[in-house]
Amino acid sequence: MSLSGTGNFCQPICEDSSHRHPWYPPEIATTDPIARGQLLLRNTLTGKKEPFVPMQARHVRWYTCGPTVYDSSHVGHARTYLSFDIMRRVMTDYFHYNVLYQINTTDIDDKIILRARQNELIRQLELDDSVDFDKLVILAKEALGEAKAKSDQKKEEIATAIEEATQNKDSRAKTEQEGLMEQHLVKRKNLDNDEAKIMELCGSSSSSSKDARAKLLVAAKSVIA
């Protein structure tokens, strides 16, 4: 058989569904009607798994907040759509609910306002030639110090909340605060990386160049508000 030419060698097999391996959905080894046909959700109020009962028979109206688009798109945005779509498909294809799903995209909130302020301030500094490199170094270090102080305060607040939840034996609150602590530590690591870049640029030997000035503005963008 010749493999030359422009034809699709896989096409005859790919189009023949008899060659596809069948899909065997998982089966629940129980006769319990709730376990077999009804969705169970964890009730955060009671801390127990309870049957999900829609307001209208098998019709479910579902709304989620969705991403807040205050910067360039990243994989976290894709994860939002993918994760909720998987859950929606499980509810429709496995539990046989009729789902009307709506996801919002937030295009104005505090984060977006803050980022707009940062971008405008950076733009003004880029255009203002009267602000020399040494002045930018002072501004960057001041902004960095404020950002680190806020980060330290936030960490203390979360740690206190975790301790209180532990003493009160509130497992749900403790889990939530521990999740916030993980997120905070990631943000703090990013801040530490920004600090390293800023301090390296502040000590640059080519401080008089426009390139060094531009690089410092880019590095300090995340901490200047």
C-alpha atoms as a PDB file:
ATOM      1  CA  MET A   1       0.000   0.000   0.000  1.00  0.00           C
ATOM      2  CA  SER A   2       1.386   3.371  -0.999  1.00  0.00           C
ATOM      3  CA  LEU A   3       1.388   6.159   1.595  1.00  0.00           C
ATOM      4  CA  SER A   4       2.158   8.841  -0.964  1.00  0.00           C
ATOM      5  CA  GLY A   5      -0.369  11.413  -2.155  1.00  0.00           C
ATOM      6  CA  THR A   6      -2.647  13.897  -0.471  1.00  0.00           C
ATOM      7  CA  GLY A   7      -5.298  11.527   0.869  1.00  0.00           C
ATOM      8  CA  ASN A   8      -5.978  10.974   4.560  1.00  0.00           C
ATOM      9  CA  PHE A   9      -4.620   7.509   5.398  1.00  0.00           C
ATOM     10  CA  CYS A  10      -6.557   7.414   8.701  1.00  0.00           C
ATOM     11  CA  GLN A  11      -9.862   8.582   7.282  1.00  0.00           C
ATOM     12  CA  PRO A  12     -11.440   5.167   6.462  1.00  0.00           C
ATOM     13  CA  ILE A  13     -10.749   3.853   9.980  1.00  0.00           C
ATOM     14  CA  CYS A  14     -11.538   7.100  11.804  1.00  0.00           C
ATOM     15  CA  GLU A  15     -14.909   7.452  10.094  1.00  0.00           C
ATOM     16  CA  ASP A  16     -15.909   3.851  10.852  1.00  0.00           C
ATOM     17  CA  SER A  17     -17.399   3.936  14.357  1.00  0.00           C
ATOM     18  CA  SER A  18     -17.109   0.137  14.646  1.00  0.00           C
ATOM     19  CA  HIS A  19     -13.360   0.546  15.206  1.00  0.00           C
ATOM     20  CA  ARG A  20     -13.827   2.802  18.205  1.00  0.00           C
ATOM     21  CA  HIS A  21     -13.392   1.331  21.645  1.00  0.00           C
ATOM     22  CA  PRO A  22     -16.720   1.435  23.543  1.00  0.00           C
ATOM     23  CA  TRP A  23     -17.070   3.614  26.617  1.00  0.00           C
ATOM     24  CA  TYR A  24     -18.188   1.880  29.782  1.00  0.00           C
ATOM     25  CA  PRO A  25     -19.562   4.432  32.280  1.00  0.00           C
ATOM     26  CA  PRO A  26     -18.946   3.590  35.945  1.00  0.00           C
ATOM     27  CA  GLU A  27     -21.726   1.747  37.714  1.00  0.00           C
ATOM     28  CA  ILE A  28     -22.672   2.219  41.352  1.00  0.00           C
ATOM     29  CA  ALA A  29     -22.697  -1.149  43.067  1.00  0.00           C
ATOM     30  CA  THR A  30     -25.745  -0.468  45.219  1.00  0.00           C
ATOM     31  CA  THR A  31     -29.526  -0.628  45.072  1.00  0.00           C
ATOM     32  CA  ASP A  32     -29.946   2.522  47.154  1.00  0.00           C
ATOM     33  CA  PRO A  33     -32.091   4.865  44.991  1.00  0.00           C
ATOM     34  CA  ILE A  34     -30.486   7.952  46.483  1.00  0.00           C
ATOM     35  CA  ALA A  35     -26.953   6.735  45.771  1.00  0.00           C
ATOM     36  CA  ARG A  36     -27.898   5.592  42.273  1.00  0.00           C
ATOM     37  CA  GLY A  37     -30.021   8.443  41.010  1.00  0.00           C
ATOM     38  CA  GLN A  38     -29.880  11.475  43.275  1.00  0.00           C
ATOM     39  CA  LEU A  39     -27.138  14.017  43.647  1.00  0.00           C
ATOM     40  CA  LEU A  40     -25.747  14.472  47.153  1.00  0.00           C
ATOM     41  CA  LEU A  41     -24.170  17.774  48.145  1.00  0.00           C
ATOM     42  CA  ARG A  42     -22.323  18.769  51.275  1.00  0.00           C
ATOM     43  CA  ASN A  43     -24.386  21.234  53.273  1.00  0.00           C
ATOM     44  CA  THR A  44     -21.907  23.751  54.680  1.00  0.00           C
ATOM     45  CA  LEU A  45     -24.421  24.690  57.384  1.00  0.00           C
ATOM     46  CA  THR A  46     -24.823  21.170  58.780  1.00  0.00           C
ATOM     47  CA  GLY A  47     -21.503  19.755  57.568  1.00  0.00           C
ATOM     48  CA  LYS A  48     -23.311  16.706  56.163  1.00  0.00           C
ATOM     49  CA  LYS A  49     -24.019  15.303  52.708  1.00  0.00           C
ATOM     50  CA  GLU A  50     -27.681  15.765  51.883  1.00  0.00           C
ATOM     51  CA  PRO A  51     -29.895  15.076  48.830  1.00  0.00           C
ATOM     52  CA  PHE A  52     -29.968  17.879  46.275  1.00  0.00           C
ATOM     53  CA  VAL A  53     -33.609  18.886  45.720  1.00  0.00           C
ATOM     54  CA  PRO A  54     -34.257  21.432  42.924  1.00  0.00           C
ATOM     55  CA  MET A  55     -37.092  23.922  43.317  1.00  0.00           C
ATOM     56  CA  GLN A  56     -38.697  22.673  40.083  1.00  0.00           C
ATOM     57  CA  ALA A  57     -38.564  18.887  39.717  1.00  0.00           C
ATOM     58  CA  ARG A  58     -35.549  18.036  37.510  1.00  0.00           C
ATOM     59  CA  HIS A  59     -35.005  21.621  36.324  1.00  0.00           C
ATOM     60  CA  VAL A  60     -31.903  23.324  37.715  1.00  0.00           C
ATOM     61  CA  ARG A  61     -31.061  27.004  37.294  1.00  0.00           C
ATOM     62  CA  TRP A  62     -27.391  27.504  38.090  1.00  0.00           C
ATOM     63  CA  TYR A  63     -25.450  30.771  38.282  1.00  0.00           C
ATOM     64  CA  THR A  64     -21.747  31.232  39.027  1.00  0.00           C
ATOM     65  CA  CYS A  65     -19.739  34.423  39.351  1.00  0.00           C
ATOM     66  CA  GLY A  66     -17.018  33.493  36.867  1.00  0.00           C
ATOM     67  CA  PRO A  67     -13.626  35.163  36.367  1.00  0.00           C
ATOM     68  CA  THR A  68     -12.720  38.774  37.063  1.00  0.00           C
ATOM     69  CA  VAL A  69     -10.811  39.935  33.994  1.00  0.00           C
ATOM     70  CA  TYR A  70      -8.521  42.633  35.381  1.00  0.00           C
ATOM     71  CA  ASP A  71      -5.448  41.558  33.409  1.00  0.00           C
ATOM     72  CA  SER A  72      -4.261  39.352  30.560  1.00  0.00           C
ATOM     73  CA  SER A  73      -5.911  35.969  30.135  1.00  0.00           C
ATOM     74  CA  HIS A  74      -4.230  33.015  31.850  1.00  0.00           C
ATOM     75  CA  VAL A  75      -4.793  29.311  32.475  1.00  0.00           C
ATOM     76  CA  GLY A  76      -6.846  30.061  35.599  1.00  0.00           C
ATOM     77  CA  HIS A  77      -9.563  31.568  33.408  1.00  0.00           C
ATOM     78  CA  ALA A  78      -9.679  28.411  31.292  1.00  0.00           C
ATOM     79  CA  ARG A  79      -9.849  26.295  34.449  1.00  0.00           C
ATOM     80  CA  THR A  80     -12.957  28.192  35.558  1.00  0.00           C
ATOM     81  CA  TYR A  81     -14.879  27.379  32.390  1.00  0.00           C
ATOM     82  CA  LEU A  82     -13.576  23.811  32.190  1.00  0.00           C
ATOM     83  CA  SER A  83     -14.299  22.871  35.811  1.00  0.00           C
ATOM     84  CA  PHE A  84     -17.857  24.145  35.856  1.00  0.00           C
ATOM     85  CA  ASP A  85     -18.615  22.707  32.424  1.00  0.00           C
ATOM     86  CA  ILE A  86     -17.514  19.259  33.638  1.00  0.00           C
ATOM     87  CA  MET A  87     -19.850  19.559  36.636  1.00  0.00           C
ATOM     88  CA  ARG A  88     -22.684  20.733  34.388  1.00  0.00           C
ATOM     89  CA  ARG A  89     -22.193  17.753  32.076  1.00  0.00           C
ATOM     90  CA  VAL A  90     -22.176  15.353  35.022  1.00  0.00           C
ATOM     91  CA  MET A  91     -25.478  16.819  36.206  1.00  0.00           C
ATOM     92  CA  THR A  92     -27.065  16.556  32.750  1.00  0.00           C
ATOM     93  CA  ASP A  93     -25.564  13.308  31.416  1.00  0.00           C
ATOM     94  CA  TYR A  94     -25.328  11.268  34.628  1.00  0.00           C
ATOM     95  CA  PHE A  95     -27.989  12.637  36.974  1.00  0.00           C
ATOM     96  CA  HIS A  96     -30.301  13.670  34.097  1.00  0.00           C
ATOM     97  CA  TYR A  97     -31.082  17.158  35.327  1.00  0.00           C
ATOM     98  CA  ASN A  98     -32.256  19.812  32.891  1.00  0.00           C
ATOM     99  CA  VAL A  99     -29.641  22.465  33.638  1.00  0.00           C
ATOM    100  CA  LEU A 100     -29.846  26.135  32.684  1.00  0.00           C
ATOM    101  CA  TYR A 101     -26.326  27.322  33.432  1.00  0.00           C
ATOM    102  CA  GLN A 102     -25.124  30.923  33.425  1.00  0.00           C
ATOM    103  CA  ILE A 103     -21.621  32.163  34.158  1.00  0.00           C
ATOM    104  CA  ASN A 104     -20.760  35.809  34.652  1.00  0.00           C
ATOM    105  CA  THR A 105     -17.632  37.684  33.622  1.00  0.00           C
ATOM    106  CA  THR A 106     -16.852  40.533  35.991  1.00  0.00           C
ATOM    107  CA  ASP A 107     -15.418  43.503  34.128  1.00  0.00           C
ATOM    108  CA  ILE A 108     -15.528  46.101  36.890  1.00  0.00           C
ATOM    109  CA  ASP A 109     -14.593  45.728  40.550  1.00  0.00           C
ATOM    110  CA  ASP A 110     -11.895  46.788  43.006  1.00  0.00           C
ATOM    111  CA  LYS A 111      -9.157  44.739  41.328  1.00  0.00           C
ATOM    112  CA  ILE A 112      -9.890  46.237  37.921  1.00  0.00           C
ATOM    113  CA  ILE A 113     -10.001  49.770  39.343  1.00  0.00           C
ATOM    114  CA  LEU A 114      -6.678  49.164  41.114  1.00  0.00           C
ATOM    115  CA  ARG A 115      -5.051  47.817  37.959  1.00  0.00           C
ATOM    116  CA  ALA A 116      -6.343  50.805  35.964  1.00  0.00           C
ATOM    117  CA  ARG A 117      -4.783  53.140  38.545  1.00  0.00           C
ATOM    118  CA  GLN A 118      -1.493  51.260  38.337  1.00  0.00           C
ATOM    119  CA  ASN A 119      -1.438  51.374  34.545  1.00  0.00           C
ATOM    120  CA  GLU A 120      -2.250  55.096  34.486  1.00  0.00           C
ATOM    121  CA  LEU A 121       0.421  55.914  37.078  1.00  0.00           C
ATOM    122  CA  ILE A 122       3.030  53.922  35.176  1.00  0.00           C
ATOM    123  CA  ARG A 123       2.006  55.663  31.939  1.00  0.00           C
ATOM    124  CA  GLN A 124       2.395  59.088  33.560  1.00  0.00           C
ATOM    125  CA  LEU A 125       5.819  58.191  34.943  1.00  0.00           C
ATOM    126  CA  GLU A 126       6.912  56.924  31.536  1.00  0.00           C
ATOM    127  CA  LEU A 127       5.961  60.256  29.943  1.00  0.00           C
ATOM    128  CA  ASP A 128       7.344  62.467  32.727  1.00  0.00           C
ATOM    129  CA  ASP A 129      11.030  62.983  31.953  1.00  0.00           C
ATOM    130  CA  SER A 130      11.422  65.178  35.045  1.00  0.00           C
ATOM    131  CA  VAL A 131      11.199  62.045  37.212  1.00  0.00           C
ATOM    132  CA  ASP A 132      14.720  60.668  36.946  1.00  0.00           C
ATOM    133  CA  PHE A 133      15.936  57.163  37.757  1.00  0.00           C
ATOM    134  CA  ASP A 134      16.938  58.009  41.331  1.00  0.00           C
ATOM    135  CA  LYS A 135      13.442  59.348  42.042  1.00  0.00           C
ATOM    136  CA  LEU A 136      11.925  56.180  40.576  1.00  0.00           C
ATOM    137  CA  VAL A 137      14.137  54.105  42.873  1.00  0.00           C
ATOM    138  CA  ILE A 138      12.769  55.975  45.900  1.00  0.00           C
ATOM    139  CA  LEU A 139       9.165  55.547  44.717  1.00  0.00           C
ATOM    140  CA  ALA A 140       9.668  51.855  43.976  1.00  0.00           C
ATOM    141  CA  LYS A 141      11.240  51.135  47.369  1.00  0.00           C
ATOM    142  CA  GLU A 142       8.490  53.026  49.208  1.00  0.00           C
ATOM    143  CA  ALA A 143       5.781  51.134  47.318  1.00  0.00           C
ATOM    144  CA  LEU A 144       7.571  47.859  47.943  1.00  0.00           C
ATOM    145  CA  GLY A 145       7.766  48.551  51.674  1.00  0.00           C
ATOM    146  CA  GLU A 146       4.031  49.304  51.837  1.00  0.00           C
ATOM    147  CA  ALA A 147       3.181  46.162  49.866  1.00  0.00           C
ATOM    148  CA  LYS A 148       5.275  43.990  52.199  1.00  0.00           C
ATOM    149  CA  ALA A 149       3.703  45.581  55.284  1.00  0.00           C
ATOM    150  CA  LYS A 150       0.199  44.849  53.949  1.00  0.00           C
ATOM    151  CA  SER A 151       1.258  41.294  53.131  1.00  0.00           C
ATOM    152  CA  ASP A 152       2.623  40.717  56.635  1.00  0.00           C
ATOM    153  CA  GLN A 153      -0.552  42.113  58.205  1.00  0.00           C
ATOM    154  CA  LYS A 154      -2.737  39.894  56.018  1.00  0.00           C
ATOM    155  CA  LYS A 155      -0.703  36.831  56.985  1.00  0.00           C
ATOM    156  CA  GLU A 156      -1.122  37.616  60.693  1.00  0.00           C
ATOM    157  CA  GLU A 157      -4.884  38.053  60.262  1.00  0.00           C
ATOM    158  CA  ILE A 158      -5.245  34.701  58.513  1.00  0.00           C
ATOM    159  CA  ALA A 159      -3.034  32.951  61.081  1.00  0.00           C
ATOM    160  CA  THR A 160      -5.178  34.390  63.888  1.00  0.00           C
ATOM    161  CA  ALA A 161      -8.349  33.199  62.149  1.00  0.00           C
ATOM    162  CA  ILE A 162      -6.891  29.691  61.786  1.00  0.00           C
ATOM    163  CA  GLU A 163      -5.975  29.620  65.479  1.00  0.00           C
ATOM    164  CA  GLU A 164      -9.465  30.770  66.500  1.00  0.00           C
ATOM    165  CA  ALA A 165     -11.116  28.182  64.249  1.00  0.00           C
ATOM    166  CA  THR A 166      -8.892  25.481  65.752  1.00  0.00           C
ATOM    167  CA  GLN A 167      -9.782  26.495  69.308  1.00  0.00           C
ATOM    168  CA  ASN A 168     -13.489  26.614  68.444  1.00  0.00           C
ATOM    169  CA  LYS A 169     -13.236  23.248  66.664  1.00  0.00           C
ATOM    170  CA  ASP A 170     -14.772  24.828  63.565  1.00  0.00           C
ATOM    171  CA  SER A 171     -13.370  22.546  60.873  1.00  0.00           C
ATOM    172  CA  ARG A 172     -15.114  24.348  58.009  1.00  0.00           C
ATOM    173  CA  ALA A 173     -13.760  27.764  58.978  1.00  0.00           C
ATOM    174  CA  LYS A 174     -10.310  26.287  59.540  1.00  0.00           C
ATOM    175  CA  THR A 175     -10.299  24.684  56.093  1.00  0.00           C
ATOM    176  CA  GLU A 176     -11.376  27.954  54.471  1.00  0.00           C
ATOM    177  CA  GLN A 177      -8.693  29.966  56.260  1.00  0.00           C
ATOM    178  CA  GLU A 178      -6.009  27.401  55.458  1.00  0.00           C
ATOM    179  CA  GLY A 179      -6.975  27.727  51.798  1.00  0.00           C
ATOM    180  CA  LEU A 180      -6.650  31.503  52.071  1.00  0.00           C
ATOM    181  CA  MET A 181      -3.235  31.056  53.672  1.00  0.00           C
ATOM    182  CA  GLU A 182      -2.064  28.921  50.746  1.00  0.00           C
ATOM    183  CA  GLN A 183      -3.202  31.594  48.315  1.00  0.00           C
ATOM    184  CA  HIS A 184      -1.520  34.285  50.383  1.00  0.00           C
ATOM    185  CA  LEU A 185       1.797  32.424  50.455  1.00  0.00           C
ATOM    186  CA  VAL A 186       1.754  32.175  46.661  1.00  0.00           C
ATOM    187  CA  LYS A 187       1.129  35.927  46.412  1.00  0.00           C
ATOM    188  CA  ARG A 188       3.911  36.582  48.926  1.00  0.00           C
ATOM    189  CA  LYS A 189       6.317  34.477  46.891  1.00  0.00           C
ATOM    190  CA  ASN A 190       5.461  36.548  43.823  1.00  0.00           C
ATOM    191  CA  LEU A 191       6.023  39.714  45.849  1.00  0.00           C
ATOM    192  CA  ASP A 192       9.426  38.447  46.988  1.00  0.00           C
ATOM    193  CA  ASN A 193      10.338  37.751  43.361  1.00  0.00           C
ATOM    194  CA  ASP A 194       9.258  41.283  42.418  1.00  0.00           C
ATOM    195  CA  GLU A 195      11.380  42.639  45.263  1.00  0.00           C
ATOM    196  CA  ALA A 196      14.441  40.798  43.981  1.00  0.00           C
ATOM    197  CA  LYS A 197      13.942  42.239  40.483  1.00  0.00           C
ATOM    198  CA  ILE A 198      13.382  45.759  41.800  1.00  0.00           C
ATOM    199  CA  MET A 199      16.444  45.706  44.062  1.00  0.00           C
ATOM    200  CA  GLU A 200      18.594  44.345  41.232  1.00  0.00           C
ATOM    201  CA  LEU A 201      17.456  47.142  38.919  1.00  0.00           C
ATOM    202  CA  CYS A 202      17.890  49.768  41.638  1.00  0.00           C
ATOM    203  CA  GLY A 203      21.564  48.877  41.815  1.00  0.00           C
ATOM    204  CA  SER A 204      21.995  48.814  38.056  1.00  0.00           C
ATOM    205  CA  SER A 205      25.188  50.424  36.764  1.00  0.00           C
ATOM    206  CA  SER A 206      23.327  51.657  33.676  1.00  0.00           C
ATOM    207  CA  SER A 207      20.828  53.695  35.677  1.00  0.00           C
ATOM    208  CA  SER A 208      21.057  56.633  33.303  1.00  0.00           C
ATOM    209  CA  SER A 209      19.718  54.685  30.335  1.00  0.00           C
ATOM    210  CA  LYS A 210      16.077  54.814  29.251  1.00  0.00           C
ATOM    211  CA  ASP A 211      16.079  51.029  29.120  1.00  0.00           C
ATOM    212  CA  ALA A 212      16.935  50.735  32.836  1.00  0.00           C
ATOM    213  CA  ARG A 213      14.223  53.277  33.664  1.00  0.00           C
ATOM    214  CA  ALA A 214      11.633  51.373  31.642  1.00  0.00           C
ATOM    215  CA  LYS A 215      12.600  48.030  33.209  1.00  0.00           C
ATOM    216  CA  LEU A 216      12.283  49.472  36.716  1.00  0.00           C
ATOM    217  CA  LEU A 217       8.802  50.790  35.934  1.00  0.00           C
ATOM    218  CA  VAL A 218       7.721  47.381  34.646  1.00  0.00           C
ATOM    219  CA  ALA A 219       9.133  45.588  37.707  1.00  0.00           C
ATOM    220  CA  ALA A 220       7.539  48.057  40.126  1.00  0.00           C
ATOM    221  CA  LYS A 221       4.147  47.990  38.401  1.00  0.00           C
ATOM    222  CA  SER A 222       2.793  45.222  40.640  1.00  0.00           C
ATOM    223  CA  VAL A 223       3.528  47.136  43.867  1.00  0.00           C
ATOM    224  CA  ILE A 224       2.775  50.706  42.824  1.00  0.00           C
ATOM    225  CA  ALA A 225      -0.857  51.699  43.469  1.00  0.00           C
END
